[in-house]
PDB file of all heavy atoms in Angstrom:
ATOM      1  N   THR A   1      19.754-194.956  73.837  1.00  0.00           N
ATOM      2  CA  THR A   1      19.027-195.568  74.957  1.00  0.00           C
ATOM      3  C   THR A   1      17.582-195.839  74.573  1.00  0.00           C
ATOM      4  O   THR A   1      17.070-196.947  74.786  1.00  0.00           O
ATOM      5  CB  THR A   1      19.078-194.652  76.194  1.00  0.00           C
ATOM      6  OG1 THR A   1      20.439-194.508  76.603  1.00  0.00           O
ATOM      7  CG2 THR A   1      18.242-195.205  77.334  1.00  0.00           C
ATOM      8  N   PHE A   2      16.926-194.848  73.984  1.00  0.00           N
ATOM      9  CA  PHE A   2      15.521-195.032  73.615  1.00  0.00           C
ATOM     10  C   PHE A   2      15.373-196.004  72.456  1.00  0.00           C
ATOM     11  O   PHE A   2      14.407-196.767  72.397  1.00  0.00           O
ATOM     12  CB  PHE A   2      14.858-193.684  73.327  1.00  0.00           C
ATOM     13  CG  PHE A   2      14.503-192.955  74.587  1.00  0.00           C
ATOM     14  CD1 PHE A   2      15.351-192.001  75.112  1.00  0.00           C
ATOM     15  CD2 PHE A   2      13.331-193.252  75.276  1.00  0.00           C
ATOM     16  CE1 PHE A   2      15.048-191.337  76.289  1.00  0.00           C
ATOM     17  CE2 PHE A   2      13.016-192.598  76.450  1.00  0.00           C
ATOM     18  CZ  PHE A   2      13.876-191.635  76.966  1.00  0.00           C
ATOM     19  N   TYR A   3      16.341-196.033  71.561  1.00  0.00           N
ATOM     20  CA  TYR A   3      16.305-197.008  70.476  1.00  0.00           C
ATOM     21  C   TYR A   3      16.403-198.424  71.039  1.00  0.00           C
ATOM     22  O   TYR A   3      15.626-199.305  70.677  1.00  0.00           O
ATOM     23  CB  TYR A   3      17.435-196.743  69.474  1.00  0.00           C
ATOM     24  CG  TYR A   3      17.482-197.795  68.398  1.00  0.00           C
ATOM     25  CD1 TYR A   3      16.590-197.765  67.335  1.00  0.00           C
ATOM     26  CD2 TYR A   3      18.401-198.846  68.462  1.00  0.00           C
ATOM     27  CE1 TYR A   3      16.616-198.745  66.349  1.00  0.00           C
ATOM     28  CE2 TYR A   3      18.429-199.819  67.483  1.00  0.00           C
ATOM     29  CZ  TYR A   3      17.535-199.777  66.436  1.00  0.00           C
ATOM     30  OH  TYR A   3      17.550-200.744  65.472  1.00  0.00           O
ATOM     31  N   LYS A   4      17.378-198.625  71.943  1.00  0.00           N
ATOM     32  CA  LYS A   4      17.525-199.956  72.548  1.00  0.00           C
ATOM     33  C   LYS A   4      16.283-200.332  73.349  1.00  0.00           C
ATOM     34  O   LYS A   4      15.874-201.488  73.366  1.00  0.00           O
ATOM     35  CB  LYS A   4      18.763-199.997  73.443  1.00  0.00           C
ATOM     36  CG  LYS A   4      20.052-200.140  72.661  1.00  0.00           C
ATOM     37  CD  LYS A   4      21.203-200.484  73.549  1.00  0.00           C
ATOM     38  CE  LYS A   4      21.262-201.964  73.661  1.00  0.00           C
ATOM     39  NZ  LYS A   4      22.556-202.558  73.749  1.00  0.00           N
ATOM     40  N   ALA A   5      15.716-199.356  74.048  1.00  0.00           N
ATOM     41  CA  ALA A   5      14.513-199.619  74.838  1.00  0.00           C
ATOM     42  C   ALA A   5      13.364-200.042  73.918  1.00  0.00           C
ATOM     43  O   ALA A   5      12.621-200.974  74.239  1.00  0.00           O
ATOM     44  CB  ALA A   5      14.122-198.383  75.640  1.00  0.00           C
ATOM     45  N   MET A   6      13.250-199.369  72.793  1.00  0.00           N
ATOM     46  CA  MET A   6      12.186-199.700  71.853  1.00  0.00           C
ATOM     47  C   MET A   6      12.396-201.121  71.315  1.00  0.00           C
ATOM     48  O   MET A   6      11.459-201.909  71.235  1.00  0.00           O
ATOM     49  CB  MET A   6      12.180-198.706  70.692  1.00  0.00           C
ATOM     50  CG  MET A   6      11.095-198.989  69.669  1.00  0.00           C
ATOM     51  SD  MET A   6      11.120-197.830  68.287  1.00  0.00           S
ATOM     52  CE  MET A   6      12.530-198.420  67.380  1.00  0.00           C
ATOM     53  N   ALA A   7      13.612-201.455  70.998  1.00  0.00           N
ATOM     54  CA  ALA A   7      13.899-202.771  70.434  1.00  0.00           C
ATOM     55  C   ALA A   7      13.756-203.891  71.462  1.00  0.00           C
ATOM     56  O   ALA A   7      13.420-205.017  71.119  1.00  0.00           O
ATOM     57  CB  ALA A   7      15.305-202.785  69.850  1.00  0.00           C
ATOM     58  N   ALA A   8      14.008-203.581  72.733  1.00  0.00           N
ATOM     59  CA  ALA A   8      14.026-204.622  73.763  1.00  0.00           C
ATOM     60  C   ALA A   8      12.873-204.491  74.751  1.00  0.00           C
ATOM     61  O   ALA A   8      12.929-205.054  75.836  1.00  0.00           O
ATOM     62  CB  ALA A   8      15.347-204.560  74.521  1.00  0.00           C
ATOM     63  N   ARG A   9      11.860-203.796  74.400  1.00  0.00           N
ATOM     64  CA  ARG A   9      10.754-203.540  75.339  1.00  0.00           C
ATOM     65  C   ARG A   9      10.158-204.824  75.901  1.00  0.00           C
ATOM     66  O   ARG A   9       9.753-204.868  77.055  1.00  0.00           O
ATOM     67  CB  ARG A   9       9.675-202.705  74.651  1.00  0.00           C
ATOM     68  CG  ARG A   9       8.491-202.355  75.507  1.00  0.00           C
ATOM     69  CD  ARG A   9       8.888-201.442  76.632  1.00  0.00           C
ATOM     70  NE  ARG A   9       7.669-201.105  77.370  1.00  0.00           N
ATOM     71  CZ  ARG A   9       7.587-200.197  78.261  1.00  0.00           C
ATOM     72  NH1 ARG A   9       8.639-199.480  78.564  1.00  0.00           N
ATOM     73  NH2 ARG A   9       6.475-199.953  78.873  1.00  0.00           N
ATOM     74  N   ALA A  10      10.167-205.873  75.120  1.00  0.00           N
ATOM     75  CA  ALA A  10       9.611-207.144  75.600  1.00  0.00           C
ATOM     76  C   ALA A  10      10.409-207.651  76.795  1.00  0.00           C
ATOM     77  O   ALA A  10       9.888-208.359  77.642  1.00  0.00           O
ATOM     78  CB  ALA A  10       9.607-208.176  74.487  1.00  0.00           C
ATOM     79  N   GLY A  11      11.688-207.274  76.896  1.00  0.00           N
ATOM     80  CA  GLY A  11      12.531-207.722  77.993  1.00  0.00           C
ATOM     81  C   GLY A  11      12.425-206.867  79.238  1.00  0.00           C
ATOM     82  O   GLY A  11      13.095-207.138  80.236  1.00  0.00           O
ATOM     83  N   PHE A  12      11.579-205.826  79.201  1.00  0.00           N
ATOM     84  CA  PHE A  12      11.431-204.938  80.357  1.00  0.00           C
ATOM     85  C   PHE A  12      10.721-205.659  81.485  1.00  0.00           C
ATOM     86  O   PHE A  12       9.609-206.132  81.332  1.00  0.00           O
ATOM     87  CB  PHE A  12      10.661-203.681  79.963  1.00  0.00           C
ATOM     88  CG  PHE A  12      10.260-202.812  81.130  1.00  0.00           C
ATOM     89  CD1 PHE A  12      11.227-202.224  81.922  1.00  0.00           C
ATOM     90  CD2 PHE A  12       8.920-202.598  81.428  1.00  0.00           C
ATOM     91  CE1 PHE A  12      10.868-201.421  82.986  1.00  0.00           C
ATOM     92  CE2 PHE A  12       8.560-201.803  82.486  1.00  0.00           C
ATOM     93  CZ  PHE A  12       9.528-201.214  83.271  1.00  0.00           C
ATOM     94  N   GLY A  13      11.411-205.754  82.613  1.00  0.00           N
ATOM     95  CA  GLY A  13      10.817-206.382  83.787  1.00  0.00           C
ATOM     96  C   GLY A  13      10.058-205.347  84.596  1.00  0.00           C
ATOM     97  O   GLY A  13      10.580-204.290  84.915  1.00  0.00           O
ATOM     98  N   LYS A  14       8.829-205.614  84.917  1.00  0.00           N
ATOM     99  CA  LYS A  14       7.989-204.653  85.623  1.00  0.00           C
ATOM    100  C   LYS A  14       8.435-204.403  87.057  1.00  0.00           C
ATOM    101  O   LYS A  14       7.984-203.477  87.687  1.00  0.00           O
ATOM    102  CB  LYS A  14       6.521-205.119  85.619  1.00  0.00           C
ATOM    103  CG  LYS A  14       5.899-205.137  84.256  1.00  0.00           C
ATOM    104  CD  LYS A  14       5.713-203.736  83.728  1.00  0.00           C
ATOM    105  CE  LYS A  14       5.024-203.772  82.370  1.00  0.00           C
ATOM    106  NZ  LYS A  14       4.961-202.490  81.733  1.00  0.00           N
ATOM    107  N   GLU A  15       9.354-205.244  87.593  1.00  0.00           N
ATOM    108  CA  GLU A  15       9.801-205.032  88.966  1.00  0.00           C
ATOM    109  C   GLU A  15      10.621-203.753  89.095  1.00  0.00           C
ATOM    110  O   GLU A  15      10.705-203.172  90.149  1.00  0.00           O
ATOM    111  CB  GLU A  15      10.594-206.236  89.501  1.00  0.00           C
ATOM    112  CG  GLU A  15      11.884-206.531  88.771  1.00  0.00           C
ATOM    113  CD  GLU A  15      11.714-207.373  87.514  1.00  0.00           C
ATOM    114  OE1 GLU A  15      10.591-207.809  87.200  1.00  0.00           O
ATOM    115  OE2 GLU A  15      12.722-207.595  86.829  1.00  0.00           O
ATOM    116  N   ALA A  16      11.238-203.310  88.000  1.00  0.00           N
ATOM    117  CA  ALA A  16      11.978-202.048  88.004  1.00  0.00           C
ATOM    118  C   ALA A  16      11.124-201.004  87.304  1.00  0.00           C
ATOM    119  O   ALA A  16      10.373-201.311  86.385  1.00  0.00           O
ATOM    120  CB  ALA A  16      13.297-202.217  87.266  1.00  0.00           C
ATOM    121  N   GLY A  17      11.242-199.758  87.731  1.00  0.00           N
ATOM    122  CA  GLY A  17      10.510-198.687  87.073  1.00  0.00           C
ATOM    123  C   GLY A  17      11.089-198.411  85.696  1.00  0.00           C
ATOM    124  O   GLY A  17      12.239-198.754  85.403  1.00  0.00           O
ATOM    125  N   GLU A  18      10.294-197.783  84.852  1.00  0.00           N
ATOM    126  CA  GLU A  18      10.753-197.495  83.498  1.00  0.00           C
ATOM    127  C   GLU A  18      11.981-196.593  83.506  1.00  0.00           C
ATOM    128  O   GLU A  18      12.916-196.808  82.748  1.00  0.00           O
ATOM    129  CB  GLU A  18       9.622-196.838  82.695  1.00  0.00           C
ATOM    130  CG  GLU A  18       8.509-197.789  82.355  1.00  0.00           C
ATOM    131  CD  GLU A  18       7.349-197.125  81.653  1.00  0.00           C
ATOM    132  OE1 GLU A  18       7.048-195.952  81.974  1.00  0.00           O
ATOM    133  OE2 GLU A  18       6.747-197.784  80.792  1.00  0.00           O
ATOM    134  N   LEU A  19      11.991-195.579  84.359  1.00  0.00           N
ATOM    135  CA  LEU A  19      13.136-194.670  84.411  1.00  0.00           C
ATOM    136  C   LEU A  19      14.400-195.415  84.852  1.00  0.00           C
ATOM    137  O   LEU A  19      15.474-195.227  84.281  1.00  0.00           O
ATOM    138  CB  LEU A  19      12.872-193.486  85.336  1.00  0.00           C
ATOM    139  CG  LEU A  19      14.011-192.473  85.450  1.00  0.00           C
ATOM    140  CD1 LEU A  19      14.348-191.886  84.090  1.00  0.00           C
ATOM    141  CD2 LEU A  19      13.651-191.378  86.441  1.00  0.00           C
ATOM    142  N   THR A  20      14.273-196.296  85.822  1.00  0.00           N
ATOM    143  CA  THR A  20      15.416-197.088  86.283  1.00  0.00           C
ATOM    144  C   THR A  20      15.936-197.954  85.152  1.00  0.00           C
ATOM    145  O   THR A  20      17.146-198.058  84.933  1.00  0.00           O
ATOM    146  CB  THR A  20      15.009-197.961  87.483  1.00  0.00           C
ATOM    147  OG1 THR A  20      14.506-197.111  88.510  1.00  0.00           O
ATOM    148  CG2 THR A  20      16.168-198.782  87.994  1.00  0.00           C
ATOM    149  N   TRP A  21      15.035-198.565  84.441  1.00  0.00           N
ATOM    150  CA  TRP A  21      15.390-199.419  83.306  1.00  0.00           C
ATOM    151  C   TRP A  21      16.103-198.607  82.225  1.00  0.00           C
ATOM    152  O   TRP A  21      17.157-199.011  81.729  1.00  0.00           O
ATOM    153  CB  TRP A  21      14.112-200.061  82.772  1.00  0.00           C
ATOM    154  CG  TRP A  21      14.260-200.916  81.557  1.00  0.00           C
ATOM    155  CD1 TRP A  21      14.998-202.061  81.430  1.00  0.00           C
ATOM    156  CD2 TRP A  21      13.625-200.707  80.295  1.00  0.00           C
ATOM    157  NE1 TRP A  21      14.852-202.569  80.166  1.00  0.00           N
ATOM    158  CE2 TRP A  21      14.014-201.767  79.448  1.00  0.00           C
ATOM    159  CE3 TRP A  21      12.749-199.749  79.803  1.00  0.00           C
ATOM    160  CZ2 TRP A  21      13.565-201.873  78.148  1.00  0.00           C
ATOM    161  CZ3 TRP A  21      12.305-199.864  78.507  1.00  0.00           C
ATOM    162  CH2 TRP A  21      12.710-200.914  77.687  1.00  0.00           C
ATOM    163  N   LEU A  22      15.573-197.434  81.888  1.00  0.00           N
ATOM    164  CA  LEU A  22      16.181-196.585  80.872  1.00  0.00           C
ATOM    165  C   LEU A  22      17.568-196.099  81.303  1.00  0.00           C
ATOM    166  O   LEU A  22      18.514-196.080  80.514  1.00  0.00           O
ATOM    167  CB  LEU A  22      15.274-195.389  80.560  1.00  0.00           C
ATOM    168  CG  LEU A  22      13.975-195.725  79.827  1.00  0.00           C
ATOM    169  CD1 LEU A  22      13.037-194.522  79.841  1.00  0.00           C
ATOM    170  CD2 LEU A  22      14.265-196.171  78.400  1.00  0.00           C
ATOM    171  N   CYS A  23      17.699-195.726  82.563  1.00  0.00           N
ATOM    172  CA  CYS A  23      18.994-195.256  83.066  1.00  0.00           C
ATOM    173  C   CYS A  23      20.026-196.385  83.085  1.00  0.00           C
ATOM    174  O   CYS A  23      21.208-196.144  82.845  1.00  0.00           O
ATOM    175  CB  CYS A  23      18.840-194.627  84.449  1.00  0.00           C
ATOM    176  SG  CYS A  23      18.056-192.996  84.375  1.00  0.00           S
ATOM    177  N   ALA A  24      19.579-197.597  83.348  1.00  0.00           N
ATOM    178  CA  ALA A  24      20.503-198.747  83.309  1.00  0.00           C
ATOM    179  C   ALA A  24      21.000-198.967  81.879  1.00  0.00           C
ATOM    180  O   ALA A  24      22.191-199.224  81.662  1.00  0.00           O
ATOM    181  CB  ALA A  24      19.815-200.003  83.841  1.00  0.00           C
ATOM    182  N   ILE A  25      20.117-198.853  80.914  1.00  0.00           N
ATOM    183  CA  ILE A  25      20.518-198.975  79.507  1.00  0.00           C
ATOM    184  C   ILE A  25      21.505-197.862  79.169  1.00  0.00           C
ATOM    185  O   ILE A  25      22.558-198.104  78.573  1.00  0.00           O
ATOM    186  CB  ILE A  25      19.291-198.915  78.566  1.00  0.00           C
ATOM    187  CG1 ILE A  25      18.392-200.138  78.763  1.00  0.00           C
ATOM    188  CG2 ILE A  25      19.739-198.786  77.105  1.00  0.00           C
ATOM    189  CD1 ILE A  25      17.056-200.051  78.037  1.00  0.00           C
ATOM    190  N   ALA A  26      21.179-196.637  79.572  1.00  0.00           N
ATOM    191  CA  ALA A  26      22.044-195.483  79.282  1.00  0.00           C
ATOM    192  C   ALA A  26      23.420-195.650  79.915  1.00  0.00           C
ATOM    193  O   ALA A  26      24.447-195.363  79.283  1.00  0.00           O
ATOM    194  CB  ALA A  26      21.379-194.205  79.775  1.00  0.00           C
ATOM    195  N   LYS A  27      23.450-196.111  81.153  1.00  0.00           N
ATOM    196  CA  LYS A  27      24.722-196.297  81.849  1.00  0.00           C
ATOM    197  C   LYS A  27      25.572-197.335  81.124  1.00  0.00           C
ATOM    198  O   LYS A  27      26.765-197.136  80.920  1.00  0.00           O
ATOM    199  CB  LYS A  27      24.475-196.726  83.295  1.00  0.00           C
ATOM    200  CG  LYS A  27      25.759-196.946  84.093  1.00  0.00           C
ATOM    201  CD  LYS A  27      25.470-197.396  85.490  1.00  0.00           C
ATOM    202  CE  LYS A  27      24.944-198.807  85.425  1.00  0.00           C
ATOM    203  NZ  LYS A  27      24.861-199.513  86.659  1.00  0.00           N
ATOM    204  N   ASN A  28      24.963-198.431  80.710  1.00  0.00           N
ATOM    205  CA  ASN A  28      25.706-199.470  79.998  1.00  0.00           C
ATOM    206  C   ASN A  28      26.227-198.954  78.651  1.00  0.00           C
ATOM    207  O   ASN A  28      27.361-199.258  78.266  1.00  0.00           O
ATOM    208  CB  ASN A  28      24.842-200.716  79.804  1.00  0.00           C
ATOM    209  CG  ASN A  28      24.610-201.451  81.099  1.00  0.00           C
ATOM    210  OD1 ASN A  28      25.419-201.383  82.020  1.00  0.00           O
ATOM    211  ND2 ASN A  28      23.491-202.140  81.189  1.00  0.00           N
ATOM    212  N   LEU A  29      25.431-198.158  77.963  1.00  0.00           N
ATOM    213  CA  LEU A  29      25.888-197.571  76.703  1.00  0.00           C
ATOM    214  C   LEU A  29      27.054-196.613  76.944  1.00  0.00           C
ATOM    215  O   LEU A  29      28.017-196.583  76.179  1.00  0.00           O
ATOM    216  CB  LEU A  29      24.740-196.832  76.006  1.00  0.00           C
ATOM    217  CG  LEU A  29      23.663-197.716  75.379  1.00  0.00           C
ATOM    218  CD1 LEU A  29      22.462-196.878  74.959  1.00  0.00           C
ATOM    219  CD2 LEU A  29      24.229-198.482  74.188  1.00  0.00           C
ATOM    220  N   PHE A  30      26.974-195.837  78.023  1.00  0.00           N
ATOM    221  CA  PHE A  30      28.048-194.912  78.371  1.00  0.00           C
ATOM    222  C   PHE A  30      29.339-195.674  78.639  1.00  0.00           C
ATOM    223  O   PHE A  30      30.399-195.332  78.113  1.00  0.00           O
ATOM    224  CB  PHE A  30      27.669-194.063  79.580  1.00  0.00           C
ATOM    225  CG  PHE A  30      28.808-193.229  80.098  1.00  0.00           C
ATOM    226  CD1 PHE A  30      29.208-192.083  79.426  1.00  0.00           C
ATOM    227  CD2 PHE A  30      29.478-193.601  81.256  1.00  0.00           C
ATOM    228  CE1 PHE A  30      30.269-191.323  79.899  1.00  0.00           C
ATOM    229  CE2 PHE A  30      30.532-192.839  81.725  1.00  0.00           C
ATOM    230  CZ  PHE A  30      30.935-191.696  81.051  1.00  0.00           C
ATOM    231  N   TYR A  31      29.260-196.734  79.451  1.00  0.00           N
ATOM    232  CA  TYR A  31      30.458-197.516  79.754  1.00  0.00           C
ATOM    233  C   TYR A  31      31.023-198.187  78.504  1.00  0.00           C
ATOM    234  O   TYR A  31      32.239-198.262  78.330  1.00  0.00           O
ATOM    235  CB  TYR A  31      30.188-198.546  80.849  1.00  0.00           C
ATOM    236  CG  TYR A  31      30.026-197.923  82.214  1.00  0.00           C
ATOM    237  CD1 TYR A  31      29.091-198.402  83.104  1.00  0.00           C
ATOM    238  CD2 TYR A  31      30.810-196.849  82.619  1.00  0.00           C
ATOM    239  CE1 TYR A  31      28.937-197.831  84.359  1.00  0.00           C
ATOM    240  CE2 TYR A  31      30.668-196.278  83.865  1.00  0.00           C
ATOM    241  CZ  TYR A  31      29.728-196.769  84.738  1.00  0.00           C
ATOM    242  OH  TYR A  31      29.594-196.201  85.967  1.00  0.00           O
ATOM    243  N   ASP A  32      30.157-198.665  77.637  1.00  0.00           N
ATOM    244  CA  ASP A  32      30.627-199.246  76.375  1.00  0.00           C
ATOM    245  C   ASP A  32      31.382-198.204  75.557  1.00  0.00           C
ATOM    246  O   ASP A  32      32.440-198.490  74.989  1.00  0.00           O
ATOM    247  CB  ASP A  32      29.453-199.784  75.548  1.00  0.00           C
ATOM    248  CG  ASP A  32      28.817-201.026  76.132  1.00  0.00           C
ATOM    249  OD1 ASP A  32      29.424-201.644  77.030  1.00  0.00           O
ATOM    250  OD2 ASP A  32      27.698-201.370  75.688  1.00  0.00           O
ATOM    251  N   GLU A  33      30.843-196.989  75.502  1.00  0.00           N
ATOM    252  CA  GLU A  33      31.484-195.908  74.754  1.00  0.00           C
ATOM    253  C   GLU A  33      32.820-195.528  75.375  1.00  0.00           C
ATOM    254  O   GLU A  33      33.802-195.288  74.663  1.00  0.00           O
ATOM    255  CB  GLU A  33      30.560-194.684  74.694  1.00  0.00           C
ATOM    256  CG  GLU A  33      31.145-193.502  73.957  1.00  0.00           C
ATOM    257  CD  GLU A  33      31.414-193.746  72.479  1.00  0.00           C
ATOM    258  OE1 GLU A  33      30.848-194.686  71.883  1.00  0.00           O
ATOM    259  OE2 GLU A  33      32.214-192.977  71.909  1.00  0.00           O
ATOM    260  N   MET A  34      32.904-195.489  76.674  1.00  0.00           N
ATOM    261  CA  MET A  34      34.160-195.151  77.348  1.00  0.00           C
ATOM    262  C   MET A  34      35.227-196.217  77.085  1.00  0.00           C
ATOM    263  O   MET A  34      36.389-195.890  76.856  1.00  0.00           O
ATOM    264  CB  MET A  34      33.955-194.971  78.851  1.00  0.00           C
ATOM    265  CG  MET A  34      33.127-193.753  79.239  1.00  0.00           C
ATOM    266  SD  MET A  34      33.820-192.189  78.653  1.00  0.00           S
ATOM    267  CE  MET A  34      32.851-191.879  77.176  1.00  0.00           C
ATOM    268  N   ARG A  35      34.819-197.477  77.098  1.00  0.00           N
ATOM    269  CA  ARG A  35      35.759-198.551  76.781  1.00  0.00           C
ATOM    270  C   ARG A  35      36.250-198.420  75.337  1.00  0.00           C
ATOM    271  O   ARG A  35      37.433-198.582  75.046  1.00  0.00           O
ATOM    272  CB  ARG A  35      35.127-199.920  77.014  1.00  0.00           C
ATOM    273  CG  ARG A  35      35.110-200.341  78.468  1.00  0.00           C
ATOM    274  CD  ARG A  35      34.678-201.787  78.622  1.00  0.00           C
ATOM    275  NE  ARG A  35      33.278-201.990  78.339  1.00  0.00           N
ATOM    276  CZ  ARG A  35      32.299-201.858  79.229  1.00  0.00           C
ATOM    277  NH1 ARG A  35      32.581-201.519  80.472  1.00  0.00           N
ATOM    278  NH2 ARG A  35      31.051-202.067  78.893  1.00  0.00           N
ATOM    279  N   ARG A  36      35.335-198.094  74.445  1.00  0.00           N
ATOM    280  CA  ARG A  36      35.690-197.930  73.035  1.00  0.00           C
ATOM    281  C   ARG A  36      36.660-196.760  72.873  1.00  0.00           C
ATOM    282  O   ARG A  36      37.688-196.881  72.205  1.00  0.00           O
ATOM    283  CB  ARG A  36      34.442-197.699  72.186  1.00  0.00           C
ATOM    284  CG  ARG A  36      34.728-197.670  70.685  1.00  0.00           C
ATOM    285  CD  ARG A  36      33.492-197.292  69.869  1.00  0.00           C
ATOM    286  NE  ARG A  36      33.114-195.921  70.040  1.00  0.00           N
ATOM    287  CZ  ARG A  36      33.757-194.880  69.473  1.00  0.00           C
ATOM    288  NH1 ARG A  36      34.792-195.087  68.707  1.00  0.00           N
ATOM    289  NH2 ARG A  36      33.344-193.645  69.674  1.00  0.00           N
ATOM    290  N   GLN A  37      36.379-195.639  73.522  1.00  0.00           N
ATOM    291  CA  GLN A  37      37.258-194.468  73.418  1.00  0.00           C
ATOM    292  C   GLN A  37      38.616-194.732  74.059  1.00  0.00           C
ATOM    293  O   GLN A  37      39.642-194.297  73.543  1.00  0.00           O
ATOM    294  CB  GLN A  37      36.605-193.248  74.067  1.00  0.00           C
ATOM    295  CG  GLN A  37      35.489-192.673  73.249  1.00  0.00           C
ATOM    296  CD  GLN A  37      34.881-191.440  73.873  1.00  0.00           C
ATOM    297  OE1 GLN A  37      35.425-190.851  74.801  1.00  0.00           O
ATOM    298  NE2 GLN A  37      33.719-191.039  73.372  1.00  0.00           N
ATOM    299  N   LYS A  38      38.614-195.440  75.181  1.00  0.00           N
ATOM    300  CA  LYS A  38      39.875-195.761  75.854  1.00  0.00           C
ATOM    301  C   LYS A  38      40.735-196.629  74.946  1.00  0.00           C
ATOM    302  O   LYS A  38      41.944-196.424  74.835  1.00  0.00           O
ATOM    303  CB  LYS A  38      39.593-196.475  77.172  1.00  0.00           C
ATOM    304  CG  LYS A  38      40.818-196.804  77.974  1.00  0.00           C
ATOM    305  CD  LYS A  38      40.430-197.469  79.281  1.00  0.00           C
ATOM    306  CE  LYS A  38      41.636-197.899  80.070  1.00  0.00           C
ATOM    307  NZ  LYS A  38      41.266-198.594  81.291  1.00  0.00           N
ATOM    308  N   HIS A  39      40.113-197.590  74.282  1.00  0.00           N
ATOM    309  CA  HIS A  39      40.838-198.470  73.370  1.00  0.00           C
ATOM    310  C   HIS A  39      41.424-197.664  72.211  1.00  0.00           C
ATOM    311  O   HIS A  39      42.589-197.837  71.854  1.00  0.00           O
ATOM    312  CB  HIS A  39      39.909-199.567  72.848  1.00  0.00           C
ATOM    313  CG  HIS A  39      40.543-200.497  71.878  1.00  0.00           C
ATOM    314  ND1 HIS A  39      41.475-201.437  72.260  1.00  0.00           N
ATOM    315  CD2 HIS A  39      40.393-200.618  70.540  1.00  0.00           C
ATOM    316  CE1 HIS A  39      41.870-202.102  71.184  1.00  0.00           C
ATOM    317  NE2 HIS A  39      41.233-201.626  70.140  1.00  0.00           N
ATOM    318  N   LEU A  40      40.633-196.746  71.647  1.00  0.00           N
ATOM    319  CA  LEU A  40      41.119-195.924  70.546  1.00  0.00           C
ATOM    320  C   LEU A  40      42.231-194.989  71.007  1.00  0.00           C
ATOM    321  O   LEU A  40      43.218-194.792  70.309  1.00  0.00           O
ATOM    322  CB  LEU A  40      39.966-195.106  69.941  1.00  0.00           C
ATOM    323  CG  LEU A  40      38.898-195.897  69.203  1.00  0.00           C
ATOM    324  CD1 LEU A  40      37.767-194.980  68.768  1.00  0.00           C
ATOM    325  CD2 LEU A  40      39.491-196.612  67.998  1.00  0.00           C
TER     326      LEU A  40
END
C-alpha cells in the first residue's frame, strides 16, 4: 500500500483524506490478492 502510494502520490486527490486514500489502496490490493488466491 505504501509503495503504491509513493509511486502514485501525484494522483492523490486532496478531496479525500490521506488515510482514506491509503485504505482504498489497501482494500484494492486485498481484493486483488483474494482473487489471485481464489484462482490458485
